[in-house]
Amino acid sequence: MPWQEWPVAVGTKPKGIVIAVHGLSGAASDFWFIGDKLPPQGYAVYAYDLRGQGKDPVKEARGDIGSAKQWIRDLETFHLLVRKRNPGVPIFWYGESLGSLICLHTAASRLNIRQDPVGIVLASPVAGLRVTVSGFRRFLLEAAATLSPRSRYSLGDLAGVDEKKIQVTSQTTHGAQMAVTEHHINSFTLRLLTEIGRLLDQNPDSAKRLRMPVLFLASPNDILSSPDQVQGLFGQVRSPKKRLLWYTRSYHLLLHDVQRAEVTEDLAQWLDKNGRTVKR
């Protein structure tokens, strides 16, 4: 899969590395802001394009995934490649939206590997869905996913809302944002959406298994998860080092909204604090 790197200054060794995992219909390039701001503070940033999203080299695979396990294996593989290139450097994961699910569940599966990653950041965490799907409707969707897994629907179709009215930043809607985004995907297969639903169902179990430092970066205005849902997932994390920060003037896309400088500064301070505790 394609990937990007924002390195520290030539001739210097990073004091830490952030592997960033983007969200649904996103791309590695979405992390340009922390890619600009973190390297001068000693943190290199790596990001890769998710399988099945808008930069997947296999165009017919965009909007589809065979199994969520592929996303988990991809993060595991990318982590090991970055680790090989940077021995002894603390590595953190930063997952945004769908990326937060991938980071959460992959980290929960690495419990036998101490301090690697050193910590994870769940930005705009998908802790649940504000728009609930009834048990019967979900049964129909899962049945349809079995019978016709590659049938495609837009997120607006499934939620019964106009995507042009979904606020993703304080100044833009989902429709407006995607109209100027080259890697936007108009529709997703039922099996991809079903796999995301299964990850959501497994959130509590994975959260309870986390022991590394965890940082939640969230907005009470997030269109996907309510404050109560985010607080609920945060409460299930058993790590002794966990923190939840709210950005009340922002919406879902924190790194593209009015408080992005504040988000990045809070992130850098958290990295400094938790990177210092690692034995190199």
C-alpha atoms as a PDB file:
ATOM      1  CA  MET A   1       0.000   0.000   0.000  1.00  0.00           C
ATOM      2  CA  PRO A   2       1.183   3.582  -0.609  1.00  0.00           C
ATOM      3  CA  TRP A   3       2.564   5.445   2.389  1.00  0.00           C
ATOM      4  CA  GLN A   4       4.044   8.805   3.355  1.00  0.00           C
ATOM      5  CA  GLU A   5       6.735   9.958   5.774  1.00  0.00           C
ATOM      6  CA  TRP A   6       7.337  13.319   7.410  1.00  0.00           C
ATOM      7  CA  PRO A   7      10.875  12.918   8.826  1.00  0.00           C
ATOM      8  CA  VAL A   8      12.788  14.885  11.439  1.00  0.00           C
ATOM      9  CA  ALA A   9      15.715  17.045  10.336  1.00  0.00           C
ATOM     10  CA  VAL A  10      18.446  15.282   8.373  1.00  0.00           C
ATOM     11  CA  GLY A  11      21.210  13.994  10.624  1.00  0.00           C
ATOM     12  CA  THR A  12      19.062  13.793  13.756  1.00  0.00           C
ATOM     13  CA  LYS A  13      17.488  10.751  15.370  1.00  0.00           C
ATOM     14  CA  PRO A  14      13.781  11.063  16.196  1.00  0.00           C
ATOM     15  CA  LYS A  15      12.867  10.891  19.865  1.00  0.00           C
ATOM     16  CA  GLY A  16       9.680   9.183  18.825  1.00  0.00           C
ATOM     17  CA  ILE A  17       7.595   8.079  15.854  1.00  0.00           C
ATOM     18  CA  VAL A  18       3.871   8.449  15.199  1.00  0.00           C
ATOM     19  CA  ILE A  19       2.186   5.980  12.855  1.00  0.00           C
ATOM     20  CA  ALA A  20      -1.090   7.584  11.731  1.00  0.00           C
ATOM     21  CA  VAL A  21      -4.054   5.572  10.479  1.00  0.00           C
ATOM     22  CA  HIS A  22      -6.776   7.471   8.620  1.00  0.00           C
ATOM     23  CA  GLY A  23     -10.523   7.077   8.559  1.00  0.00           C
ATOM     24  CA  LEU A  24     -13.216   5.988   6.137  1.00  0.00           C
ATOM     25  CA  SER A  25     -12.776   7.627   2.724  1.00  0.00           C
ATOM     26  CA  GLY A  26      -9.533   9.165   3.999  1.00  0.00           C
ATOM     27  CA  ALA A  27      -5.887   8.927   2.973  1.00  0.00           C
ATOM     28  CA  ALA A  28      -2.396   9.197   4.433  1.00  0.00           C
ATOM     29  CA  SER A  29      -2.179  12.757   3.131  1.00  0.00           C
ATOM     30  CA  ASP A  30      -4.900  13.781   5.619  1.00  0.00           C
ATOM     31  CA  PHE A  31      -2.188  13.932   8.292  1.00  0.00           C
ATOM     32  CA  TRP A  32      -0.231  16.754   6.655  1.00  0.00           C
ATOM     33  CA  PHE A  33      -0.845  19.062   9.638  1.00  0.00           C
ATOM     34  CA  ILE A  34       0.823  16.867  12.248  1.00  0.00           C
ATOM     35  CA  GLY A  35       3.329  15.984   9.528  1.00  0.00           C
ATOM     36  CA  ASP A  36       4.302  19.658   9.492  1.00  0.00           C
ATOM     37  CA  LYS A  37       4.129  20.311  13.243  1.00  0.00           C
ATOM     38  CA  LEU A  38       5.552  17.202  14.947  1.00  0.00           C
ATOM     39  CA  PRO A  39       8.926  16.690  13.159  1.00  0.00           C
ATOM     40  CA  PRO A  40      10.332  20.049  14.393  1.00  0.00           C
ATOM     41  CA  GLN A  41       9.526  18.773  17.916  1.00  0.00           C
ATOM     42  CA  GLY A  42      11.469  15.565  17.320  1.00  0.00           C
ATOM     43  CA  TYR A  43       8.702  13.211  16.171  1.00  0.00           C
ATOM     44  CA  ALA A  44       8.712  11.612  12.729  1.00  0.00           C
ATOM     45  CA  VAL A  45       5.286  10.840  11.273  1.00  0.00           C
ATOM     46  CA  TYR A  46       4.447   7.863   9.070  1.00  0.00           C
ATOM     47  CA  ALA A  47       1.059   7.184   7.498  1.00  0.00           C
ATOM     48  CA  TYR A  48      -0.164   4.590   5.031  1.00  0.00           C
ATOM     49  CA  ASP A  49      -3.257   4.350   2.844  1.00  0.00           C
ATOM     50  CA  LEU A  50      -5.783   1.831   4.071  1.00  0.00           C
ATOM     51  CA  ARG A  51      -6.695  -1.168   2.006  1.00  0.00           C
ATOM     52  CA  GLY A  52     -10.092  -0.674   0.368  1.00  0.00           C
ATOM     53  CA  GLN A  53     -10.033   3.109   0.609  1.00  0.00           C
ATOM     54  CA  GLY A  54      -9.578   5.860  -1.977  1.00  0.00           C
ATOM     55  CA  LYS A  55      -5.851   5.408  -2.609  1.00  0.00           C
ATOM     56  CA  ASP A  56      -5.911   1.606  -2.879  1.00  0.00           C
ATOM     57  CA  PRO A  57      -3.854   0.812  -6.029  1.00  0.00           C
ATOM     58  CA  VAL A  58      -6.455  -1.815  -6.932  1.00  0.00           C
ATOM     59  CA  LYS A  59      -9.237   0.527  -8.022  1.00  0.00           C
ATOM     60  CA  GLU A  60     -11.989  -2.089  -8.061  1.00  0.00           C
ATOM     61  CA  ALA A  61     -11.205  -2.841  -4.412  1.00  0.00           C
ATOM     62  CA  ARG A  62     -11.951   0.709  -3.268  1.00  0.00           C
ATOM     63  CA  GLY A  63     -14.914   0.798  -0.918  1.00  0.00           C
ATOM     64  CA  ASP A  64     -14.578  -2.900  -0.108  1.00  0.00           C
ATOM     65  CA  ILE A  65     -12.747  -5.180   2.324  1.00  0.00           C
ATOM     66  CA  GLY A  66     -12.782  -8.948   2.627  1.00  0.00           C
ATOM     67  CA  SER A  67     -12.297  -8.896   6.392  1.00  0.00           C
ATOM     68  CA  ALA A  68     -11.370  -6.366   9.067  1.00  0.00           C
ATOM     69  CA  LYS A  69      -8.515  -8.742   9.912  1.00  0.00           C
ATOM     70  CA  GLN A  70      -6.804  -7.452   6.775  1.00  0.00           C
ATOM     71  CA  TRP A  71      -6.699  -3.932   8.244  1.00  0.00           C
ATOM     72  CA  ILE A  72      -5.275  -5.321  11.497  1.00  0.00           C
ATOM     73  CA  ARG A  73      -2.604  -7.344   9.680  1.00  0.00           C
ATOM     74  CA  ASP A  74      -1.688  -4.311   7.565  1.00  0.00           C
ATOM     75  CA  LEU A  75      -1.098  -2.113  10.625  1.00  0.00           C
ATOM     76  CA  GLU A  76       0.899  -4.894  12.256  1.00  0.00           C
ATOM     77  CA  THR A  77       3.036  -5.254   9.119  1.00  0.00           C
ATOM     78  CA  PHE A  78       3.553  -1.516   8.677  1.00  0.00           C
ATOM     79  CA  HIS A  79       4.508  -1.178  12.344  1.00  0.00           C
ATOM     80  CA  LEU A  80       7.154  -3.893  12.013  1.00  0.00           C
ATOM     81  CA  LEU A  81       8.582  -2.251   8.885  1.00  0.00           C
ATOM     82  CA  VAL A  82       8.818   1.133  10.620  1.00  0.00           C
ATOM     83  CA  ARG A  83      10.296  -0.553  13.706  1.00  0.00           C
ATOM     84  CA  LYS A  84      12.985  -2.209  11.553  1.00  0.00           C
ATOM     85  CA  ARG A  85      13.950   1.163  10.060  1.00  0.00           C
ATOM     86  CA  ASN A  86      14.051   2.866  13.473  1.00  0.00           C
ATOM     87  CA  PRO A  87      15.446   0.462  16.091  1.00  0.00           C
ATOM     88  CA  GLY A  88      15.178   1.679  19.659  1.00  0.00           C
ATOM     89  CA  VAL A  89      12.848   4.592  18.882  1.00  0.00           C
ATOM     90  CA  PRO A  90       9.480   4.664  20.741  1.00  0.00           C
ATOM     91  CA  ILE A  91       6.540   4.205  18.367  1.00  0.00           C
ATOM     92  CA  PHE A  92       3.039   5.558  18.992  1.00  0.00           C
ATOM     93  CA  TRP A  93      -0.120   4.973  16.967  1.00  0.00           C
ATOM     94  CA  TYR A  94      -2.585   7.723  16.063  1.00  0.00           C
ATOM     95  CA  GLY A  95      -5.902   6.429  14.749  1.00  0.00           C
ATOM     96  CA  GLU A  96      -8.597   8.743  13.412  1.00  0.00           C
ATOM     97  CA  SER A  97     -12.233   7.580  13.199  1.00  0.00           C
ATOM     98  CA  LEU A  98     -12.100   4.172  11.451  1.00  0.00           C
ATOM     99  CA  GLY A  99      -8.364   4.311  12.123  1.00  0.00           C
ATOM    100  CA  SER A 100      -9.146   4.487  15.850  1.00  0.00           C
ATOM    101  CA  LEU A 101     -10.973   1.163  15.587  1.00  0.00           C
ATOM    102  CA  ILE A 102      -8.053  -0.397  13.739  1.00  0.00           C
ATOM    103  CA  CYS A 103      -5.536   0.899  16.296  1.00  0.00           C
ATOM    104  CA  LEU A 104      -7.674  -0.183  19.237  1.00  0.00           C
ATOM    105  CA  HIS A 105      -8.169  -3.747  18.052  1.00  0.00           C
ATOM    106  CA  THR A 106      -4.620  -4.218  16.771  1.00  0.00           C
ATOM    107  CA  ALA A 107      -3.139  -2.922  20.035  1.00  0.00           C
ATOM    108  CA  ALA A 108      -5.378  -5.286  22.005  1.00  0.00           C
ATOM    109  CA  SER A 109      -3.933  -8.196  20.009  1.00  0.00           C
ATOM    110  CA  ARG A 110      -0.299  -7.229  20.824  1.00  0.00           C
ATOM    111  CA  LEU A 111      -0.459  -7.826  24.564  1.00  0.00           C
ATOM    112  CA  ASN A 112       2.457 -10.265  24.454  1.00  0.00           C
ATOM    113  CA  ILE A 113       4.761  -7.583  23.019  1.00  0.00           C
ATOM    114  CA  ARG A 114       5.754  -5.182  25.804  1.00  0.00           C
ATOM    115  CA  GLN A 115       5.818  -1.442  25.182  1.00  0.00           C
ATOM    116  CA  ASP A 116       5.329  -1.788  21.429  1.00  0.00           C
ATOM    117  CA  PRO A 117       3.553   0.422  20.573  1.00  0.00           C
ATOM    118  CA  VAL A 118       4.418   2.639  23.510  1.00  0.00           C
ATOM    119  CA  GLY A 119       0.937   4.166  23.454  1.00  0.00           C
ATOM    120  CA  ILE A 120      -2.053   4.783  21.222  1.00  0.00           C
ATOM    121  CA  VAL A 121      -4.116   7.860  20.411  1.00  0.00           C
ATOM    122  CA  LEU A 122      -7.787   7.431  19.514  1.00  0.00           C
ATOM    123  CA  ALA A 123      -8.909  10.597  17.708  1.00  0.00           C
ATOM    124  CA  SER A 124     -12.621  11.033  16.999  1.00  0.00           C
ATOM    125  CA  PRO A 125     -13.016   7.498  18.354  1.00  0.00           C
ATOM    126  CA  VAL A 126     -15.877   5.452  16.955  1.00  0.00           C
ATOM    127  CA  ALA A 127     -17.226   4.409  20.331  1.00  0.00           C
ATOM    128  CA  GLY A 128     -20.729   3.799  19.006  1.00  0.00           C
ATOM    129  CA  LEU A 129     -23.184   5.308  16.560  1.00  0.00           C
ATOM    130  CA  ARG A 130     -25.502   8.217  17.313  1.00  0.00           C
ATOM    131  CA  VAL A 131     -27.808   6.911  14.569  1.00  0.00           C
ATOM    132  CA  THR A 132     -28.770   3.487  15.851  1.00  0.00           C
ATOM    133  CA  VAL A 133     -29.742   0.604  13.609  1.00  0.00           C
ATOM    134  CA  SER A 134     -32.570  -1.536  14.964  1.00  0.00           C
ATOM    135  CA  GLY A 135     -31.909  -5.212  15.561  1.00  0.00           C
ATOM    136  CA  PHE A 136     -34.263  -6.218  12.752  1.00  0.00           C
ATOM    137  CA  ARG A 137     -32.762  -3.751  10.272  1.00  0.00           C
ATOM    138  CA  ARG A 138     -29.267  -4.896  11.182  1.00  0.00           C
ATOM    139  CA  PHE A 139     -30.362  -8.506  10.676  1.00  0.00           C
ATOM    140  CA  LEU A 140     -31.580  -7.591   7.190  1.00  0.00           C
ATOM    141  CA  LEU A 141     -28.311  -5.801   6.390  1.00  0.00           C
ATOM    142  CA  GLU A 142     -26.197  -8.741   7.570  1.00  0.00           C
ATOM    143  CA  ALA A 143     -28.372 -11.150   5.589  1.00  0.00           C
ATOM    144  CA  ALA A 144     -27.990  -8.958   2.512  1.00  0.00           C
ATOM    145  CA  ALA A 145     -24.242  -8.804   3.121  1.00  0.00           C
ATOM    146  CA  THR A 146     -24.142 -12.597   3.049  1.00  0.00           C
ATOM    147  CA  LEU A 147     -26.259 -12.914  -0.085  1.00  0.00           C
ATOM    148  CA  SER A 148     -24.832  -9.923  -1.940  1.00  0.00           C
ATOM    149  CA  PRO A 149     -21.684  -8.794  -0.082  1.00  0.00           C
ATOM    150  CA  ARG A 150     -20.549  -6.415  -2.792  1.00  0.00           C
ATOM    151  CA  SER A 151     -23.785  -4.461  -3.005  1.00  0.00           C
ATOM    152  CA  ARG A 152     -22.925  -0.814  -2.432  1.00  0.00           C
ATOM    153  CA  TYR A 153     -24.564   1.939  -0.430  1.00  0.00           C
ATOM    154  CA  SER A 154     -23.611   5.448   0.577  1.00  0.00           C
ATOM    155  CA  LEU A 155     -23.413   6.325   4.262  1.00  0.00           C
ATOM    156  CA  GLY A 156     -26.314   8.709   3.741  1.00  0.00           C
ATOM    157  CA  ASP A 157     -28.457   5.903   2.304  1.00  0.00           C
ATOM    158  CA  LEU A 158     -27.885   3.713   5.348  1.00  0.00           C
ATOM    159  CA  ALA A 159     -28.348   6.467   7.909  1.00  0.00           C
ATOM    160  CA  GLY A 160     -31.297   8.020   6.097  1.00  0.00           C
ATOM    161  CA  VAL A 161     -29.735  11.480   6.040  1.00  0.00           C
ATOM    162  CA  ASP A 162     -28.508  13.932   3.418  1.00  0.00           C
ATOM    163  CA  GLU A 163     -24.693  13.740   3.391  1.00  0.00           C
ATOM    164  CA  LYS A 164     -24.562  17.397   2.366  1.00  0.00           C
ATOM    165  CA  LYS A 165     -25.958  18.275   5.789  1.00  0.00           C
ATOM    166  CA  ILE A 166     -23.541  16.170   7.868  1.00  0.00           C
ATOM    167  CA  GLN A 167     -21.233  18.605   9.698  1.00  0.00           C
ATOM    168  CA  VAL A 168     -17.628  17.304   9.807  1.00  0.00           C
ATOM    169  CA  THR A 169     -15.869  20.534  10.792  1.00  0.00           C
ATOM    170  CA  SER A 170     -17.181  23.792  12.222  1.00  0.00           C
ATOM    171  CA  GLN A 171     -17.114  25.252   8.714  1.00  0.00           C
ATOM    172  CA  THR A 172     -17.764  22.371   6.310  1.00  0.00           C
ATOM    173  CA  THR A 173     -20.137  19.472   5.718  1.00  0.00           C
ATOM    174  CA  HIS A 174     -19.299  15.965   4.608  1.00  0.00           C
ATOM    175  CA  GLY A 175     -20.672  16.682   1.133  1.00  0.00           C
ATOM    176  CA  ALA A 176     -18.651  19.877   0.714  1.00  0.00           C
ATOM    177  CA  GLN A 177     -15.483  18.283   2.076  1.00  0.00           C
ATOM    178  CA  MET A 178     -15.720  15.229  -0.165  1.00  0.00           C
ATOM    179  CA  ALA A 179     -16.459  17.322  -3.255  1.00  0.00           C
ATOM    180  CA  VAL A 180     -12.904  18.639  -3.107  1.00  0.00           C
ATOM    181  CA  THR A 181     -11.254  15.410  -1.927  1.00  0.00           C
ATOM    182  CA  GLU A 182      -9.773  13.291  -4.690  1.00  0.00           C
ATOM    183  CA  HIS A 183      -9.757  10.097  -2.612  1.00  0.00           C
ATOM    184  CA  HIS A 184     -13.443  10.336  -1.703  1.00  0.00           C
ATOM    185  CA  ILE A 185     -15.450   7.118  -2.058  1.00  0.00           C
ATOM    186  CA  ASN A 186     -19.128   7.501  -2.904  1.00  0.00           C
ATOM    187  CA  SER A 187     -20.295   4.106  -1.699  1.00  0.00           C
ATOM    188  CA  PHE A 188     -19.167   1.101   0.302  1.00  0.00           C
ATOM    189  CA  THR A 189     -19.926  -2.597   0.092  1.00  0.00           C
ATOM    190  CA  LEU A 190     -22.217  -4.181   2.635  1.00  0.00           C
ATOM    191  CA  ARG A 191     -19.469  -6.521   3.759  1.00  0.00           C
ATOM    192  CA  LEU A 192     -17.143  -3.589   4.549  1.00  0.00           C
ATOM    193  CA  LEU A 193     -19.879  -1.901   6.582  1.00  0.00           C
ATOM    194  CA  THR A 194     -20.667  -5.198   8.314  1.00  0.00           C
ATOM    195  CA  GLU A 195     -16.998  -5.656   9.234  1.00  0.00           C
ATOM    196  CA  ILE A 196     -16.947  -2.192  10.798  1.00  0.00           C
ATOM    197  CA  GLY A 197     -20.079  -3.137  12.747  1.00  0.00           C
ATOM    198  CA  ARG A 198     -18.312  -6.219  14.097  1.00  0.00           C
ATOM    199  CA  LEU A 199     -15.361  -4.132  15.248  1.00  0.00           C
ATOM    200  CA  LEU A 200     -17.804  -1.847  17.073  1.00  0.00           C
ATOM    201  CA  ASP A 201     -19.343  -4.870  18.798  1.00  0.00           C
ATOM    202  CA  GLN A 202     -15.871  -5.953  19.957  1.00  0.00           C
ATOM    203  CA  ASN A 203     -14.901  -2.510  21.300  1.00  0.00           C
ATOM    204  CA  PRO A 204     -15.599  -3.258  24.990  1.00  0.00           C
ATOM    205  CA  ASP A 205     -13.496  -6.431  25.022  1.00  0.00           C
ATOM    206  CA  SER A 206     -10.568  -4.781  23.244  1.00  0.00           C
ATOM    207  CA  ALA A 207     -10.706  -1.673  25.470  1.00  0.00           C
ATOM    208  CA  LYS A 208     -10.534  -3.818  28.607  1.00  0.00           C
ATOM    209  CA  ARG A 209      -7.365  -5.483  27.328  1.00  0.00           C
ATOM    210  CA  LEU A 210      -5.351  -2.294  26.830  1.00  0.00           C
ATOM    211  CA  ARG A 211      -2.491  -1.708  29.254  1.00  0.00           C
ATOM    212  CA  MET A 212      -0.348   0.870  27.404  1.00  0.00           C
ATOM    213  CA  PRO A 213      -0.980   4.629  27.735  1.00  0.00           C
ATOM    214  CA  VAL A 214      -4.107   5.701  25.816  1.00  0.00           C
ATOM    215  CA  LEU A 215      -5.135   9.213  24.773  1.00  0.00           C
ATOM    216  CA  PHE A 216      -8.672  10.005  23.587  1.00  0.00           C
ATOM    217  CA  LEU A 217      -9.123  13.155  21.479  1.00  0.00           C
ATOM    218  CA  ALA A 218     -12.825  13.805  20.997  1.00  0.00           C
ATOM    219  CA  SER A 219     -15.494  16.363  20.167  1.00  0.00           C
ATOM    220  CA  PRO A 220     -18.949  16.496  21.769  1.00  0.00           C
ATOM    221  CA  ASN A 221     -20.228  17.587  18.334  1.00  0.00           C
ATOM    222  CA  ASP A 222     -19.006  14.449  16.563  1.00  0.00           C
ATOM    223  CA  ILE A 223     -21.607  13.194  14.097  1.00  0.00           C
ATOM    224  CA  LEU A 224     -20.694   9.530  14.672  1.00  0.00           C
ATOM    225  CA  SER A 225     -20.385   8.974  18.425  1.00  0.00           C
ATOM    226  CA  SER A 226     -22.132  10.783  21.262  1.00  0.00           C
ATOM    227  CA  PRO A 227     -20.232  12.111  24.301  1.00  0.00           C
ATOM    228  CA  ASP A 228     -21.821   9.381  26.435  1.00  0.00           C
ATOM    229  CA  GLN A 229     -20.629   6.685  24.026  1.00  0.00           C
ATOM    230  CA  VAL A 230     -17.088   8.088  24.005  1.00  0.00           C
ATOM    231  CA  GLN A 231     -17.087   8.380  27.790  1.00  0.00           C
ATOM    232  CA  GLY A 232     -18.378   4.818  28.028  1.00  0.00           C
ATOM    233  CA  LEU A 233     -15.578   3.397  25.877  1.00  0.00           C
ATOM    234  CA  PHE A 234     -13.015   5.469  27.766  1.00  0.00           C
ATOM    235  CA  GLY A 235     -14.305   4.034  31.037  1.00  0.00           C
ATOM    236  CA  GLN A 236     -13.779   0.495  29.751  1.00  0.00           C
ATOM    237  CA  VAL A 237     -10.056   1.086  29.088  1.00  0.00           C
ATOM    238  CA  ARG A 238      -8.123  -0.501  31.957  1.00  0.00           C
ATOM    239  CA  SER A 239      -4.798   1.171  31.273  1.00  0.00           C
ATOM    240  CA  PRO A 240      -3.530   2.991  34.383  1.00  0.00           C
ATOM    241  CA  LYS A 241      -2.391   5.805  32.076  1.00  0.00           C
ATOM    242  CA  LYS A 242      -5.361   7.068  30.124  1.00  0.00           C
ATOM    243  CA  ARG A 243      -6.596  10.563  29.319  1.00  0.00           C
ATOM    244  CA  LEU A 244      -9.642  12.025  27.564  1.00  0.00           C
ATOM    245  CA  LEU A 245      -9.539  15.515  26.036  1.00  0.00           C
ATOM    246  CA  TRP A 246     -12.578  17.321  24.581  1.00  0.00           C
ATOM    247  CA  TYR A 247     -12.526  19.984  21.850  1.00  0.00           C
ATOM    248  CA  THR A 248     -15.832  21.777  22.143  1.00  0.00           C
ATOM    249  CA  ARG A 249     -15.496  24.065  19.104  1.00  0.00           C
ATOM    250  CA  SER A 250     -14.581  21.262  16.710  1.00  0.00           C
ATOM    251  CA  TYR A 251     -16.393  18.448  14.952  1.00  0.00           C
ATOM    252  CA  HIS A 252     -15.367  15.044  13.580  1.00  0.00           C
ATOM    253  CA  LEU A 253     -12.267  16.018  11.574  1.00  0.00           C
ATOM    254  CA  LEU A 254     -10.183  17.419  14.424  1.00  0.00           C
ATOM    255  CA  LEU A 255      -7.010  17.964  12.387  1.00  0.00           C
ATOM    256  CA  HIS A 256      -8.946  19.997   9.818  1.00  0.00           C
ATOM    257  CA  ASP A 257     -10.922  22.150  12.236  1.00  0.00           C
ATOM    258  CA  VAL A 258     -10.427  25.395  14.163  1.00  0.00           C
ATOM    259  CA  GLN A 259      -8.705  23.735  17.144  1.00  0.00           C
ATOM    260  CA  ARG A 260      -6.177  21.686  15.201  1.00  0.00           C
ATOM    261  CA  ALA A 261      -3.208  23.636  16.651  1.00  0.00           C
ATOM    262  CA  GLU A 262      -4.510  22.931  20.157  1.00  0.00           C
ATOM    263  CA  VAL A 263      -5.015  19.251  19.314  1.00  0.00           C
ATOM    264  CA  THR A 264      -1.459  18.989  17.983  1.00  0.00           C
ATOM    265  CA  GLU A 265       0.056  20.750  20.990  1.00  0.00           C
ATOM    266  CA  ASP A 266      -1.815  18.470  23.395  1.00  0.00           C
ATOM    267  CA  LEU A 267      -0.641  15.489  21.358  1.00  0.00           C
ATOM    268  CA  ALA A 268       3.002  16.617  21.454  1.00  0.00           C
ATOM    269  CA  GLN A 269       2.893  17.101  25.229  1.00  0.00           C
ATOM    270  CA  TRP A 270       1.387  13.639  25.694  1.00  0.00           C
ATOM    271  CA  LEU A 271       4.069  12.102  23.454  1.00  0.00           C
ATOM    272  CA  ASP A 272       6.803  13.830  25.465  1.00  0.00           C
ATOM    273  CA  LYS A 273       5.380  12.607  28.746  1.00  0.00           C
ATOM    274  CA  ASN A 274       4.926   8.995  27.703  1.00  0.00           C
ATOM    275  CA  GLY A 275       8.022   8.692  25.531  1.00  0.00           C
ATOM    276  CA  ARG A 276      10.283   9.620  28.463  1.00  0.00           C
ATOM    277  CA  THR A 277       9.127   6.597  30.465  1.00  0.00           C
ATOM    278  CA  VAL A 278      10.394   4.132  27.853  1.00  0.00           C
ATOM    279  CA  LYS A 279      13.646   2.281  28.436  1.00  0.00           C
ATOM    280  CA  ARG A 280      15.659   2.411  25.211  1.00  0.00           C
END
